[in-house]
């Protein structure tokens, strides 16, 4: 089993931002924010902090 890299994008506290493309299509972008304990802007591939908690797998397309 492969060890997943600890980045903001793989943390359960990371809330990813999307951009709207067309009427009903949303595209994920490489930024978001952390919700633990307050809002902080983060990039998807920023190294994880000490509050890291494994979340669901996410891919940056």
Protein backbone atom coordinates (compact mmCIF):
# COMPACT_ATOMS: atom_id res chain seq x y z
CA UNK A 1 0.00 0.00 0.00
CA UNK A 2 1.38 3.39 -1.01
CA UNK A 3 1.96 6.04 1.67
CA UNK A 4 -0.03 9.17 0.82
CA UNK A 5 1.85 12.48 0.95
CA UNK A 6 0.64 14.77 3.74
CA UNK A 7 -0.52 17.98 2.10
CA UNK A 8 -3.38 20.38 2.71
CA UNK A 9 -5.25 18.87 -0.22
CA UNK A 10 -5.41 15.44 1.44
CA UNK A 11 -6.47 16.77 4.86
CA UNK A 12 -10.07 16.48 6.04
CA UNK A 13 -9.97 20.12 7.22
CA UNK A 14 -9.23 21.44 3.71
CA UNK A 15 -12.18 23.00 1.88
CA UNK A 16 -11.38 23.21 -1.82
CA UNK A 17 -12.45 26.11 -4.03
CA UNK A 18 -14.11 25.67 -7.43
CA UNK A 19 -14.70 27.89 -10.43
CA UNK A 20 -17.86 27.83 -12.48
CA UNK A 21 -17.59 26.93 -16.14
CA UNK A 22 -20.84 27.05 -18.02
CA UNK A 23 -24.24 26.74 -16.46
CA UNK A 24 -23.87 23.49 -14.48
CA UNK A 25 -20.16 22.65 -14.55
CA UNK A 26 -17.72 23.36 -11.72
CA UNK A 27 -13.96 22.85 -12.02
CA UNK A 28 -11.72 22.34 -8.95
CA UNK A 29 -8.84 24.79 -8.64
CA UNK A 30 -5.57 24.44 -6.72
CA UNK A 31 -6.54 26.64 -3.78
CA UNK A 32 -8.89 26.41 -0.84
CA UNK A 33 -9.00 27.14 2.85
CA UNK A 34 -8.47 25.34 6.15
CA UNK A 35 -11.38 25.19 8.57
CA UNK A 36 -9.46 24.06 11.66
CA UNK A 37 -9.62 26.12 13.84
CA UNK A 38 -10.31 29.16 11.64
CA UNK A 39 -10.25 30.11 7.98
CA UNK A 40 -6.77 30.23 6.46
CA UNK A 41 -6.08 30.34 2.73
CA UNK A 42 -4.00 27.38 1.51
CA UNK A 43 -2.74 25.88 -1.72
CA UNK A 44 -3.67 22.29 -2.55
CA UNK A 45 -0.04 21.09 -2.39
CA UNK A 46 1.07 23.04 0.72
CA UNK A 47 2.83 20.72 3.22
CA UNK A 48 0.47 19.73 6.01
CA UNK A 49 0.59 21.36 9.44
CA UNK A 50 0.44 19.68 12.86
CA UNK A 51 -3.40 19.64 12.69
CA UNK A 52 -3.37 17.25 9.71
CA UNK A 53 -6.05 14.57 9.75
CA UNK A 54 -6.32 12.09 6.90
CA UNK A 55 -9.27 12.85 4.66
CA UNK A 56 -10.64 11.27 1.54
CA UNK A 57 -8.32 10.99 -1.43
CA UNK A 58 -8.40 13.98 -3.74
CA UNK A 59 -6.81 14.57 -7.11
CA UNK A 60 -5.81 17.83 -8.73
CA UNK A 61 -6.74 17.53 -12.40
